């Protein structure tokens, strides 16, 4: 994401450099576990912030922010402040803010960890639908094996620190996931395969 300097080598996304490039000009955006919304700004202005940093006109950035808020089902909440939102709503605002600049790569760092299971599942489907509509590459970090299998076409398992590649599992099935996918034989098999790779990685 460009927050830390690499000890060596270079990092680029789709040919565009990351290190040394101002955040608003990078081809990558990040959604954290903590929502990191500006408390003094409205939902609309939070989402439009990245476009403001890029010099987009007020009218255009507000139009684009409203479009993203509609995609995350927050129509009518444009003037709310972050303190007035539930955890699930705040995460949807964070997603809209990250996507409004059309990043080539979206990094999701345990974004649902603090949410209840029902909200997590709803947001998982929202993220997959956003991916289908906007098509960024997504790296999604989670400690939840079932969430990883549900969200991904490819699950990469890391060992305990220092992190090493402990396994790479392809997950079959369409994205976004169809109703009942979690009860399918393919899903259950992938969950067991990922769990076994994780256990092996933790024991190494």
N, C-alpha and C. Protein backbone atom coordinates (compact mmCIF):
# COMPACT_ATOMS: atom_id res chain seq x y z
N UNK A 1 0.82 -1.22 0.00
CA UNK A 1 0.00 0.00 0.00
C UNK A 1 0.84 1.26 0.00
N UNK A 2 2.15 1.11 0.20
CA UNK A 2 3.03 2.26 0.20
C UNK A 2 3.20 2.91 1.55
N UNK A 3 2.70 2.28 2.63
CA UNK A 3 2.84 2.86 3.97
C UNK A 3 4.23 2.64 4.55
N UNK A 4 4.94 1.61 4.08
CA UNK A 4 6.28 1.33 4.56
C UNK A 4 7.23 1.24 3.38
N UNK A 5 8.49 1.57 3.64
CA UNK A 5 9.51 1.49 2.60
C UNK A 5 10.05 0.06 2.53
N UNK A 6 10.16 -0.52 1.35
CA UNK A 6 10.75 -1.85 1.24
C UNK A 6 12.25 -1.79 1.53
N UNK A 7 12.79 -2.89 2.09
CA UNK A 7 14.23 -2.92 2.37
C UNK A 7 15.03 -3.02 1.08
N UNK A 8 14.43 -3.57 0.04
CA UNK A 8 15.10 -3.63 -1.26
C UNK A 8 14.04 -3.86 -2.34
N UNK A 9 14.43 -3.66 -3.57
CA UNK A 9 13.53 -3.92 -4.69
C UNK A 9 12.53 -2.80 -4.91
N UNK A 10 11.62 -3.04 -5.83
CA UNK A 10 10.59 -2.06 -6.19
C UNK A 10 9.21 -2.71 -6.17
N UNK A 11 8.19 -1.90 -5.97
CA UNK A 11 6.81 -2.37 -5.97
C UNK A 11 6.03 -1.56 -6.99
N UNK A 12 5.31 -2.26 -7.86
CA UNK A 12 4.44 -1.56 -8.81
C UNK A 12 3.15 -2.34 -8.95
N UNK A 13 2.10 -1.64 -9.31
CA UNK A 13 0.79 -2.24 -9.54
C UNK A 13 0.35 -1.85 -10.93
N UNK A 14 0.18 -2.85 -11.79
CA UNK A 14 -0.19 -2.60 -13.18
C UNK A 14 0.76 -1.61 -13.83
N UNK A 15 2.05 -1.73 -13.49
CA UNK A 15 3.07 -0.87 -14.07
C UNK A 15 3.25 0.48 -13.40
N UNK A 16 2.39 0.80 -12.43
CA UNK A 16 2.48 2.09 -11.75
C UNK A 16 3.22 1.92 -10.43
N UNK A 17 4.21 2.77 -10.13
CA UNK A 17 4.95 2.64 -8.86
C UNK A 17 4.07 2.97 -7.67
N UNK A 18 4.44 2.43 -6.51
CA UNK A 18 3.71 2.67 -5.27
C UNK A 18 4.55 3.50 -4.31
N UNK A 19 5.79 3.05 -4.07
CA UNK A 19 6.66 3.73 -3.12
C UNK A 19 7.06 5.10 -3.66
N UNK A 20 6.95 6.11 -2.79
CA UNK A 20 7.31 7.46 -3.18
C UNK A 20 6.22 8.22 -3.91
N UNK A 21 5.07 7.57 -4.10
CA UNK A 21 3.95 8.22 -4.78
C UNK A 21 2.94 8.67 -3.72
N UNK A 22 2.43 9.90 -3.77
CA UNK A 22 1.44 10.36 -2.78
C UNK A 22 0.24 9.42 -2.74
N UNK A 23 -0.34 9.20 -1.56
CA UNK A 23 -1.45 8.24 -1.42
C UNK A 23 -2.57 8.42 -2.43
N UNK A 24 -2.94 9.68 -2.72
CA UNK A 24 -4.08 9.91 -3.60
C UNK A 24 -3.76 9.64 -5.07
N UNK A 25 -2.48 9.34 -5.36
CA UNK A 25 -2.11 9.03 -6.74
C UNK A 25 -1.75 7.56 -6.94
N UNK A 26 -1.82 6.77 -5.88
CA UNK A 26 -1.47 5.36 -6.00
C UNK A 26 -2.61 4.58 -6.63
N UNK A 27 -2.25 3.43 -7.24
CA UNK A 27 -3.24 2.57 -7.87
C UNK A 27 -3.81 1.56 -6.89
N UNK A 28 -3.61 1.81 -5.60
CA UNK A 28 -4.03 0.88 -4.55
C UNK A 28 -4.76 1.67 -3.46
N UNK A 29 -5.73 1.02 -2.84
CA UNK A 29 -6.40 1.60 -1.68
C UNK A 29 -6.63 0.52 -0.65
N UNK A 30 -6.83 0.94 0.61
CA UNK A 30 -6.89 0.00 1.72
C UNK A 30 -8.11 0.25 2.58
N UNK A 31 -8.73 -0.84 3.04
CA UNK A 31 -9.80 -0.77 4.04
C UNK A 31 -9.30 -1.52 5.27
N UNK A 32 -9.30 -0.84 6.42
CA UNK A 32 -8.77 -1.41 7.65
C UNK A 32 -9.89 -1.96 8.53
N UNK A 33 -9.48 -2.70 9.55
CA UNK A 33 -10.44 -3.20 10.53
C UNK A 33 -11.14 -2.04 11.24
N UNK A 34 -10.36 -1.02 11.60
CA UNK A 34 -10.93 0.20 12.15
C UNK A 34 -11.36 1.09 10.98
N UNK A 35 -12.52 1.66 11.06
CA UNK A 35 -13.12 2.32 9.91
C UNK A 35 -12.34 3.55 9.45
N UNK A 36 -11.65 4.24 10.38
CA UNK A 36 -10.80 5.39 10.03
C UNK A 36 -11.55 6.45 9.24
N UNK A 37 -12.81 6.67 9.60
CA UNK A 37 -13.58 7.74 8.95
C UNK A 37 -13.33 9.06 9.67
N UNK A 38 -13.43 10.15 8.93
CA UNK A 38 -13.28 11.47 9.54
C UNK A 38 -14.56 11.79 10.32
N UNK A 39 -14.47 11.92 11.66
CA UNK A 39 -15.69 12.06 12.46
C UNK A 39 -16.43 13.37 12.22
N UNK A 40 -15.73 14.42 11.77
CA UNK A 40 -16.36 15.72 11.59
C UNK A 40 -16.99 15.87 10.21
N UNK A 41 -16.79 14.86 9.34
CA UNK A 41 -17.32 14.94 7.97
C UNK A 41 -18.58 14.08 7.84
N UNK A 42 -19.43 14.48 6.92
CA UNK A 42 -20.60 13.66 6.60
C UNK A 42 -20.16 12.39 5.87
N UNK A 43 -21.06 11.44 5.77
CA UNK A 43 -20.79 10.23 5.00
C UNK A 43 -20.40 10.58 3.57
N UNK A 44 -21.15 11.50 2.96
CA UNK A 44 -20.88 11.88 1.57
C UNK A 44 -19.47 12.46 1.42
N UNK A 45 -19.08 13.34 2.33
CA UNK A 45 -17.77 13.97 2.23
C UNK A 45 -16.65 12.98 2.55
N UNK A 46 -16.89 12.02 3.43
CA UNK A 46 -15.91 10.98 3.69
C UNK A 46 -15.63 10.19 2.42
N UNK A 47 -16.69 9.81 1.72
CA UNK A 47 -16.51 9.01 0.50
C UNK A 47 -15.84 9.83 -0.59
N UNK A 48 -16.18 11.11 -0.67
CA UNK A 48 -15.64 11.97 -1.73
C UNK A 48 -14.23 12.45 -1.46
N UNK A 49 -13.68 12.18 -0.28
CA UNK A 49 -12.41 12.78 0.13
C UNK A 49 -11.27 12.47 -0.84
N UNK A 50 -11.15 11.21 -1.26
CA UNK A 50 -10.07 10.84 -2.17
C UNK A 50 -10.14 11.59 -3.49
N UNK A 51 -11.34 11.82 -3.97
CA UNK A 51 -11.50 12.57 -5.21
C UNK A 51 -11.17 14.05 -5.01
N UNK A 52 -11.47 14.58 -3.83
CA UNK A 52 -11.09 15.96 -3.52
C UNK A 52 -9.58 16.11 -3.57
N UNK A 53 -8.87 15.10 -3.01
CA UNK A 53 -7.40 15.14 -3.02
C UNK A 53 -6.85 15.10 -4.45
N UNK A 54 -7.61 14.53 -5.35
CA UNK A 54 -7.17 14.45 -6.74
C UNK A 54 -7.58 15.67 -7.56
N UNK A 55 -8.24 16.62 -6.93
CA UNK A 55 -8.60 17.84 -7.63
C UNK A 55 -9.88 17.77 -8.43
N UNK A 56 -10.70 16.74 -8.19
CA UNK A 56 -11.98 16.61 -8.89
C UNK A 56 -12.94 17.69 -8.38
N UNK A 57 -13.73 18.24 -9.27
CA UNK A 57 -14.65 19.31 -8.88
C UNK A 57 -15.66 18.82 -7.85
N UNK A 58 -16.18 19.76 -7.06
CA UNK A 58 -17.12 19.42 -5.99
C UNK A 58 -18.33 18.68 -6.53
N UNK A 59 -18.89 19.17 -7.65
CA UNK A 59 -20.07 18.53 -8.20
C UNK A 59 -19.78 17.11 -8.65
N UNK A 60 -18.66 16.91 -9.35
CA UNK A 60 -18.33 15.58 -9.86
C UNK A 60 -18.03 14.60 -8.74
N UNK A 61 -17.27 15.05 -7.74
CA UNK A 61 -16.92 14.11 -6.67
C UNK A 61 -18.14 13.74 -5.83
N UNK A 62 -19.07 14.66 -5.68
CA UNK A 62 -20.29 14.33 -4.93
C UNK A 62 -21.18 13.38 -5.72
N UNK A 63 -21.25 13.57 -7.01
CA UNK A 63 -22.02 12.65 -7.85
C UNK A 63 -21.44 11.24 -7.78
N UNK A 64 -20.12 11.14 -7.86
CA UNK A 64 -19.47 9.83 -7.81
C UNK A 64 -19.61 9.21 -6.43
N UNK A 65 -19.52 10.02 -5.39
CA UNK A 65 -19.70 9.51 -4.03
C UNK A 65 -21.12 8.97 -3.84
N UNK A 66 -22.11 9.67 -4.37
CA UNK A 66 -23.49 9.19 -4.27
C UNK A 66 -23.66 7.86 -5.02
N UNK A 67 -22.99 7.72 -6.16
CA UNK A 67 -23.07 6.47 -6.91
C UNK A 67 -22.50 5.30 -6.10
N UNK A 68 -21.38 5.53 -5.45
CA UNK A 68 -20.77 4.47 -4.64
C UNK A 68 -21.61 4.17 -3.41
N UNK A 69 -22.20 5.19 -2.81
CA UNK A 69 -23.06 4.95 -1.64
C UNK A 69 -24.29 4.14 -2.03
N UNK A 70 -24.79 4.35 -3.24
CA UNK A 70 -25.92 3.53 -3.71
C UNK A 70 -25.48 2.07 -3.87
N UNK A 71 -24.24 1.85 -4.35
CA UNK A 71 -23.74 0.49 -4.52
C UNK A 71 -23.59 -0.25 -3.20
N UNK A 72 -23.36 0.50 -2.10
CA UNK A 72 -23.22 -0.15 -0.79
C UNK A 72 -24.49 0.01 0.04
N UNK A 73 -25.60 0.36 -0.60
CA UNK A 73 -26.92 0.39 0.03
C UNK A 73 -27.02 1.43 1.15
N UNK A 74 -26.45 2.61 0.93
CA UNK A 74 -26.52 3.67 1.95
C UNK A 74 -27.19 4.93 1.41
N UNK A 75 -28.09 4.76 0.44
CA UNK A 75 -28.87 5.92 -0.03
C UNK A 75 -29.64 6.50 1.14
N UNK A 76 -29.68 7.82 1.23
CA UNK A 76 -30.41 8.48 2.31
C UNK A 76 -29.58 8.74 3.55
N UNK A 77 -28.33 8.21 3.59
CA UNK A 77 -27.47 8.43 4.76
C UNK A 77 -26.33 9.40 4.45
N UNK A 78 -26.44 10.10 3.33
CA UNK A 78 -25.32 10.94 2.87
C UNK A 78 -24.89 11.99 3.88
N UNK A 79 -25.82 12.56 4.63
CA UNK A 79 -25.48 13.65 5.55
C UNK A 79 -25.26 13.18 6.98
N UNK A 80 -25.34 11.89 7.22
CA UNK A 80 -25.08 11.36 8.56
C UNK A 80 -23.61 11.51 8.90
N UNK A 81 -23.30 11.57 10.20
CA UNK A 81 -21.93 11.56 10.68
C UNK A 81 -21.56 10.12 11.08
N UNK A 82 -20.27 9.78 11.04
CA UNK A 82 -19.85 8.42 11.39
C UNK A 82 -20.39 7.93 12.73
N UNK A 83 -20.50 8.82 13.72
CA UNK A 83 -20.98 8.41 15.05
C UNK A 83 -22.44 7.96 15.03
N UNK A 84 -23.16 8.31 13.97
CA UNK A 84 -24.57 7.93 13.86
C UNK A 84 -24.77 6.60 13.13
N UNK A 85 -23.68 5.94 12.74
CA UNK A 85 -23.76 4.72 11.94
C UNK A 85 -23.50 3.48 12.78
N UNK A 86 -24.11 2.38 12.39
CA UNK A 86 -23.77 1.09 12.98
C UNK A 86 -22.41 0.65 12.43
N UNK A 87 -21.84 -0.40 13.03
CA UNK A 87 -20.57 -0.90 12.55
C UNK A 87 -20.62 -1.33 11.10
N UNK A 88 -21.71 -2.02 10.72
CA UNK A 88 -21.85 -2.46 9.34
C UNK A 88 -21.96 -1.29 8.37
N UNK A 89 -22.71 -0.26 8.75
CA UNK A 89 -22.82 0.92 7.90
C UNK A 89 -21.48 1.63 7.75
N UNK A 90 -20.75 1.76 8.87
CA UNK A 90 -19.44 2.42 8.82
C UNK A 90 -18.49 1.67 7.90
N UNK A 91 -18.55 0.33 7.92
CA UNK A 91 -17.69 -0.44 7.04
C UNK A 91 -18.09 -0.23 5.58
N UNK A 92 -19.38 -0.11 5.31
CA UNK A 92 -19.82 0.16 3.94
C UNK A 92 -19.30 1.52 3.46
N UNK A 93 -19.30 2.51 4.35
CA UNK A 93 -18.74 3.82 3.99
C UNK A 93 -17.25 3.68 3.67
N UNK A 94 -16.54 2.90 4.49
CA UNK A 94 -15.11 2.70 4.25
C UNK A 94 -14.87 2.04 2.89
N UNK A 95 -15.71 1.07 2.55
CA UNK A 95 -15.59 0.40 1.25
C UNK A 95 -15.84 1.39 0.11
N UNK A 96 -16.90 2.19 0.25
CA UNK A 96 -17.21 3.17 -0.80
C UNK A 96 -16.09 4.18 -0.94
N UNK A 97 -15.52 4.63 0.17
CA UNK A 97 -14.42 5.61 0.11
C UNK A 97 -13.20 5.02 -0.58
N UNK A 98 -12.92 3.73 -0.31
CA UNK A 98 -11.76 3.09 -0.93
C UNK A 98 -11.95 2.88 -2.42
N UNK A 99 -13.18 2.65 -2.85
CA UNK A 99 -13.44 2.31 -4.25
C UNK A 99 -13.73 3.51 -5.13
N UNK A 100 -14.02 4.65 -4.52
CA UNK A 100 -14.44 5.81 -5.32
C UNK A 100 -13.33 6.29 -6.25
N UNK A 101 -12.07 6.01 -5.90
CA UNK A 101 -10.95 6.43 -6.74
C UNK A 101 -10.57 5.37 -7.78
N UNK A 102 -11.38 4.32 -7.88
CA UNK A 102 -11.18 3.25 -8.86
C UNK A 102 -9.78 2.63 -8.78
N UNK A 103 -9.39 2.10 -7.61
CA UNK A 103 -8.06 1.51 -7.49
C UNK A 103 -7.95 0.23 -8.32
N UNK A 104 -6.74 -0.05 -8.80
CA UNK A 104 -6.49 -1.32 -9.48
C UNK A 104 -6.41 -2.47 -8.49
N UNK A 105 -5.97 -2.15 -7.26
CA UNK A 105 -5.82 -3.14 -6.20
C UNK A 105 -6.47 -2.62 -4.94
N UNK A 106 -7.33 -3.44 -4.33
CA UNK A 106 -7.98 -3.10 -3.07
C UNK A 106 -7.49 -4.07 -2.00
N UNK A 107 -6.91 -3.53 -0.93
CA UNK A 107 -6.43 -4.33 0.19
C UNK A 107 -7.44 -4.23 1.32
N UNK A 108 -7.93 -5.38 1.77
CA UNK A 108 -8.90 -5.43 2.87
C UNK A 108 -8.25 -6.15 4.04
N UNK A 109 -7.92 -5.41 5.09
CA UNK A 109 -7.17 -5.94 6.23
C UNK A 109 -8.12 -6.27 7.38
N UNK A 110 -8.58 -7.51 7.42
CA UNK A 110 -9.53 -7.99 8.44
C UNK A 110 -10.68 -7.00 8.64
N UNK A 111 -11.36 -6.62 7.58
CA UNK A 111 -12.35 -5.55 7.69
C UNK A 111 -13.59 -5.93 8.50
N UNK A 112 -13.88 -7.23 8.63
CA UNK A 112 -15.12 -7.63 9.30
C UNK A 112 -14.89 -8.17 10.70
N UNK A 113 -13.66 -8.09 11.22
CA UNK A 113 -13.31 -8.77 12.46
C UNK A 113 -14.16 -8.33 13.65
N UNK A 114 -14.56 -7.06 13.69
CA UNK A 114 -15.29 -6.54 14.84
C UNK A 114 -16.81 -6.65 14.69
N UNK A 115 -17.28 -7.29 13.62
CA UNK A 115 -18.71 -7.31 13.31
C UNK A 115 -19.34 -8.65 13.67
N UNK A 116 -20.65 -8.63 13.91
CA UNK A 116 -21.37 -9.86 14.20
C UNK A 116 -21.49 -10.72 12.94
N UNK A 117 -21.83 -11.99 13.12
CA UNK A 117 -21.80 -12.95 12.01
C UNK A 117 -22.79 -12.60 10.91
N UNK A 118 -23.98 -12.14 11.26
CA UNK A 118 -24.97 -11.80 10.24
C UNK A 118 -24.47 -10.64 9.38
N UNK A 119 -23.91 -9.61 10.04
CA UNK A 119 -23.39 -8.46 9.31
C UNK A 119 -22.20 -8.86 8.45
N UNK A 120 -21.33 -9.74 8.99
CA UNK A 120 -20.17 -10.21 8.23
C UNK A 120 -20.61 -10.88 6.94
N UNK A 121 -21.61 -11.74 7.03
CA UNK A 121 -22.06 -12.46 5.84
C UNK A 121 -22.67 -11.51 4.81
N UNK A 122 -23.44 -10.54 5.29
CA UNK A 122 -24.05 -9.57 4.36
C UNK A 122 -22.96 -8.75 3.66
N UNK A 123 -21.95 -8.33 4.42
CA UNK A 123 -20.87 -7.55 3.83
C UNK A 123 -20.00 -8.37 2.89
N UNK A 124 -19.85 -9.66 3.18
CA UNK A 124 -19.10 -10.52 2.26
C UNK A 124 -19.76 -10.52 0.88
N UNK A 125 -21.08 -10.64 0.86
CA UNK A 125 -21.79 -10.60 -0.42
C UNK A 125 -21.69 -9.22 -1.06
N UNK A 126 -21.73 -8.16 -0.24
CA UNK A 126 -21.59 -6.81 -0.77
C UNK A 126 -20.23 -6.64 -1.45
N UNK A 127 -19.17 -7.12 -0.81
CA UNK A 127 -17.83 -6.98 -1.39
C UNK A 127 -17.74 -7.73 -2.71
N UNK A 128 -18.29 -8.93 -2.77
CA UNK A 128 -18.25 -9.70 -4.01
C UNK A 128 -19.06 -9.03 -5.11
N UNK A 129 -20.19 -8.42 -4.75
CA UNK A 129 -20.98 -7.70 -5.75
C UNK A 129 -20.26 -6.44 -6.22
N UNK A 130 -19.56 -5.75 -5.30
CA UNK A 130 -18.77 -4.59 -5.69
C UNK A 130 -17.63 -5.00 -6.62
N UNK A 131 -17.00 -6.13 -6.30
CA UNK A 131 -15.94 -6.63 -7.18
C UNK A 131 -16.48 -6.90 -8.58
N UNK A 132 -17.66 -7.51 -8.66
CA UNK A 132 -18.25 -7.82 -9.96
C UNK A 132 -18.55 -6.54 -10.74
N UNK A 133 -18.98 -5.49 -10.04
CA UNK A 133 -19.34 -4.24 -10.71
C UNK A 133 -18.12 -3.41 -11.11
N UNK A 134 -17.06 -3.43 -10.28
CA UNK A 134 -15.94 -2.51 -10.47
C UNK A 134 -14.64 -3.19 -10.87
N UNK A 135 -14.50 -4.47 -10.56
CA UNK A 135 -13.38 -5.32 -10.99
C UNK A 135 -11.99 -4.88 -10.53
N UNK A 136 -11.81 -4.43 -9.29
CA UNK A 136 -10.43 -4.29 -8.81
C UNK A 136 -9.90 -5.67 -8.43
N UNK A 137 -8.58 -5.83 -8.45
CA UNK A 137 -8.00 -7.00 -7.81
C UNK A 137 -8.12 -6.81 -6.31
N UNK A 138 -8.45 -7.87 -5.57
CA UNK A 138 -8.67 -7.75 -4.12
C UNK A 138 -7.79 -8.74 -3.38
N UNK A 139 -7.10 -8.24 -2.36
CA UNK A 139 -6.42 -9.09 -1.38
C UNK A 139 -7.15 -8.91 -0.07
N UNK A 140 -7.71 -10.00 0.44
CA UNK A 140 -8.57 -9.95 1.62
C UNK A 140 -7.90 -10.77 2.73
N UNK A 141 -7.54 -10.11 3.83
CA UNK A 141 -6.89 -10.78 4.95
C UNK A 141 -7.94 -11.13 6.00
N UNK A 142 -7.95 -12.39 6.43
CA UNK A 142 -8.88 -12.82 7.47
C UNK A 142 -8.30 -14.02 8.21
N UNK A 143 -8.71 -14.17 9.48
CA UNK A 143 -8.37 -15.35 10.27
C UNK A 143 -9.49 -16.39 10.23
N UNK A 144 -10.57 -16.07 9.55
CA UNK A 144 -11.74 -16.94 9.50
C UNK A 144 -11.66 -17.80 8.23
N UNK A 145 -11.48 -19.11 8.40
CA UNK A 145 -11.27 -20.00 7.26
C UNK A 145 -12.49 -20.01 6.34
N UNK A 146 -13.69 -20.13 6.90
CA UNK A 146 -14.90 -20.17 6.06
C UNK A 146 -15.07 -18.87 5.31
N UNK A 147 -14.75 -17.75 5.94
CA UNK A 147 -14.85 -16.46 5.26
C UNK A 147 -13.87 -16.40 4.10
N UNK A 148 -12.65 -16.89 4.31
CA UNK A 148 -11.65 -16.90 3.25
C UNK A 148 -12.12 -17.71 2.05
N UNK A 149 -12.65 -18.90 2.31
CA UNK A 149 -13.11 -19.77 1.22
C UNK A 149 -14.30 -19.16 0.51
N UNK A 150 -15.19 -18.54 1.25
CA UNK A 150 -16.38 -17.93 0.64
C UNK A 150 -16.00 -16.74 -0.25
N UNK A 151 -15.02 -15.95 0.20
CA UNK A 151 -14.70 -14.71 -0.49
C UNK A 151 -13.79 -14.89 -1.69
N UNK A 152 -12.97 -15.95 -1.70
CA UNK A 152 -11.84 -15.98 -2.62
C UNK A 152 -11.94 -17.05 -3.69
N UNK A 153 -11.31 -16.77 -4.81
CA UNK A 153 -11.07 -17.80 -5.81
C UNK A 153 -9.76 -18.52 -5.53
N UNK A 154 -8.92 -17.91 -4.70
CA UNK A 154 -7.63 -18.50 -4.34
C UNK A 154 -7.29 -18.10 -2.92
N UNK A 155 -7.04 -19.09 -2.06
CA UNK A 155 -6.70 -18.84 -0.67
C UNK A 155 -5.21 -19.13 -0.47
N UNK A 156 -4.50 -18.15 0.05
CA UNK A 156 -3.09 -18.32 0.38
C UNK A 156 -2.97 -18.39 1.89
N UNK A 157 -2.40 -19.47 2.39
CA UNK A 157 -2.25 -19.70 3.83
C UNK A 157 -0.84 -19.32 4.25
N UNK A 158 -0.72 -18.53 5.31
CA UNK A 158 0.58 -18.10 5.81
C UNK A 158 0.91 -18.83 7.10
N UNK A 159 2.21 -19.10 7.31
CA UNK A 159 2.68 -19.72 8.54
C UNK A 159 2.78 -18.68 9.64
N UNK A 160 3.12 -19.12 10.86
CA UNK A 160 3.35 -18.17 11.94
C UNK A 160 4.60 -17.36 11.61
N UNK A 161 4.76 -16.21 12.29
CA UNK A 161 5.85 -15.29 11.98
C UNK A 161 7.22 -15.88 12.20
N UNK A 162 8.18 -15.52 11.34
CA UNK A 162 7.98 -14.66 10.16
C UNK A 162 7.18 -15.39 9.09
N UNK A 163 6.16 -14.73 8.57
CA UNK A 163 5.20 -15.37 7.68
C UNK A 163 5.82 -15.95 6.42
N UNK A 164 5.51 -17.20 6.17
CA UNK A 164 5.93 -17.88 4.95
C UNK A 164 4.71 -18.50 4.30
N UNK A 165 4.82 -18.76 3.00
CA UNK A 165 3.73 -19.41 2.28
C UNK A 165 3.60 -20.85 2.77
N UNK A 166 2.44 -21.18 3.34
CA UNK A 166 2.21 -22.52 3.87
C UNK A 166 1.25 -23.33 3.00
N UNK A 167 0.63 -22.70 2.05
CA UNK A 167 -0.30 -23.41 1.18
C UNK A 167 -1.04 -22.45 0.27
N UNK A 168 -1.48 -22.96 -0.87
CA UNK A 168 -2.26 -22.17 -1.83
C UNK A 168 -3.35 -23.07 -2.38
N UNK A 169 -4.61 -22.69 -2.15
CA UNK A 169 -5.74 -23.55 -2.49
C UNK A 169 -6.68 -22.80 -3.42
N UNK A 170 -6.97 -23.39 -4.56
CA UNK A 170 -7.96 -22.82 -5.48
C UNK A 170 -9.36 -23.22 -5.01
N UNK A 171 -10.28 -22.27 -5.06
CA UNK A 171 -11.66 -22.53 -4.64
C UNK A 171 -12.54 -22.49 -5.88
N UNK A 172 -13.18 -23.60 -6.18
CA UNK A 172 -14.05 -23.68 -7.35
C UNK A 172 -15.40 -23.05 -7.05
N UNK A 173 -16.07 -22.57 -8.09
CA UNK A 173 -17.40 -22.03 -7.93
C UNK A 173 -17.48 -20.60 -8.42
N UNK A 174 -18.68 -20.16 -8.79
CA UNK A 174 -18.86 -18.80 -9.33
C UNK A 174 -18.71 -17.73 -8.27
N UNK A 175 -18.28 -16.56 -8.70
CA UNK A 175 -18.24 -15.36 -7.87
C UNK A 175 -19.08 -14.29 -8.56
N UNK A 176 -19.97 -13.59 -7.84
CA UNK A 176 -20.37 -13.78 -6.45
C UNK A 176 -20.96 -15.18 -6.20
N UNK A 177 -21.00 -15.56 -4.93
CA UNK A 177 -21.45 -16.90 -4.57
C UNK A 177 -22.97 -17.03 -4.68
N UNK A 178 -23.45 -18.17 -5.20
CA UNK A 178 -24.89 -18.39 -5.26
C UNK A 178 -25.45 -18.74 -3.89
N UNK A 179 -26.76 -18.63 -3.75
CA UNK A 179 -27.42 -19.00 -2.49
C UNK A 179 -27.11 -20.46 -2.16
N UNK A 180 -26.84 -20.72 -0.90
CA UNK A 180 -26.57 -22.09 -0.47
C UNK A 180 -25.16 -22.56 -0.71
N UNK A 181 -24.28 -21.67 -1.15
CA UNK A 181 -22.91 -22.10 -1.46
C UNK A 181 -22.20 -22.66 -0.24
N UNK A 182 -22.47 -22.10 0.94
CA UNK A 182 -21.79 -22.56 2.14
C UNK A 182 -22.14 -24.00 2.51
N UNK A 183 -23.23 -24.52 2.02
CA UNK A 183 -23.61 -25.90 2.34
C UNK A 183 -23.20 -26.89 1.25
N UNK A 184 -22.57 -26.40 0.19
CA UNK A 184 -22.19 -27.29 -0.91
C UNK A 184 -20.99 -28.15 -0.53
N UNK A 185 -20.87 -29.29 -1.19
CA UNK A 185 -19.76 -30.20 -0.93
C UNK A 185 -18.42 -29.56 -1.28
N UNK A 186 -18.38 -28.79 -2.36
CA UNK A 186 -17.15 -28.14 -2.76
C UNK A 186 -16.66 -27.14 -1.73
N UNK A 187 -17.59 -26.39 -1.15
CA UNK A 187 -17.23 -25.42 -0.12
C UNK A 187 -16.66 -26.12 1.10
N UNK A 188 -17.36 -27.17 1.56
CA UNK A 188 -16.91 -27.88 2.76
C UNK A 188 -15.54 -28.52 2.53
N UNK A 189 -15.33 -29.06 1.35
CA UNK A 189 -14.04 -29.68 1.05
C UNK A 189 -12.93 -28.64 1.06
N UNK A 190 -13.19 -27.47 0.47
CA UNK A 190 -12.18 -26.41 0.45
C UNK A 190 -11.87 -25.92 1.86
N UNK A 191 -12.89 -25.80 2.70
CA UNK A 191 -12.68 -25.39 4.09
C UNK A 191 -11.76 -26.37 4.81
N UNK A 192 -12.00 -27.66 4.62
CA UNK A 192 -11.15 -28.66 5.28
C UNK A 192 -9.72 -28.62 4.74
N UNK A 193 -9.57 -28.39 3.45
CA UNK A 193 -8.23 -28.31 2.86
C UNK A 193 -7.47 -27.11 3.39
N UNK A 194 -8.13 -25.95 3.45
CA UNK A 194 -7.49 -24.75 3.99
C UNK A 194 -7.17 -24.93 5.47
N UNK A 195 -8.08 -25.53 6.22
CA UNK A 195 -7.85 -25.75 7.65
C UNK A 195 -6.64 -26.64 7.88
N UNK A 196 -6.50 -27.68 7.06
CA UNK A 196 -5.35 -28.58 7.19
C UNK A 196 -4.05 -27.85 6.87
N UNK A 197 -4.05 -27.02 5.84
CA UNK A 197 -2.85 -26.24 5.48
C UNK A 197 -2.50 -25.25 6.59
N UNK A 198 -3.53 -24.67 7.19
CA UNK A 198 -3.30 -23.71 8.28
C UNK A 198 -2.69 -24.41 9.49
N UNK A 199 -3.24 -25.57 9.85
CA UNK A 199 -2.71 -26.31 10.98
C UNK A 199 -1.26 -26.70 10.76
N UNK A 200 -0.95 -27.11 9.53
CA UNK A 200 0.43 -27.48 9.20
C UNK A 200 1.35 -26.27 9.28
N UNK A 201 0.85 -25.12 8.78
CA UNK A 201 1.66 -23.90 8.83
C UNK A 201 1.92 -23.43 10.24
N UNK A 202 0.94 -23.57 11.12
CA UNK A 202 1.12 -23.15 12.51
C UNK A 202 2.07 -24.08 13.26
N UNK A 203 2.14 -25.35 12.82
CA UNK A 203 3.00 -26.32 13.51
C UNK A 203 4.44 -26.23 13.05
N UNK A 204 4.67 -25.59 11.91
CA UNK A 204 6.03 -25.54 11.34
C UNK A 204 6.95 -24.68 12.21
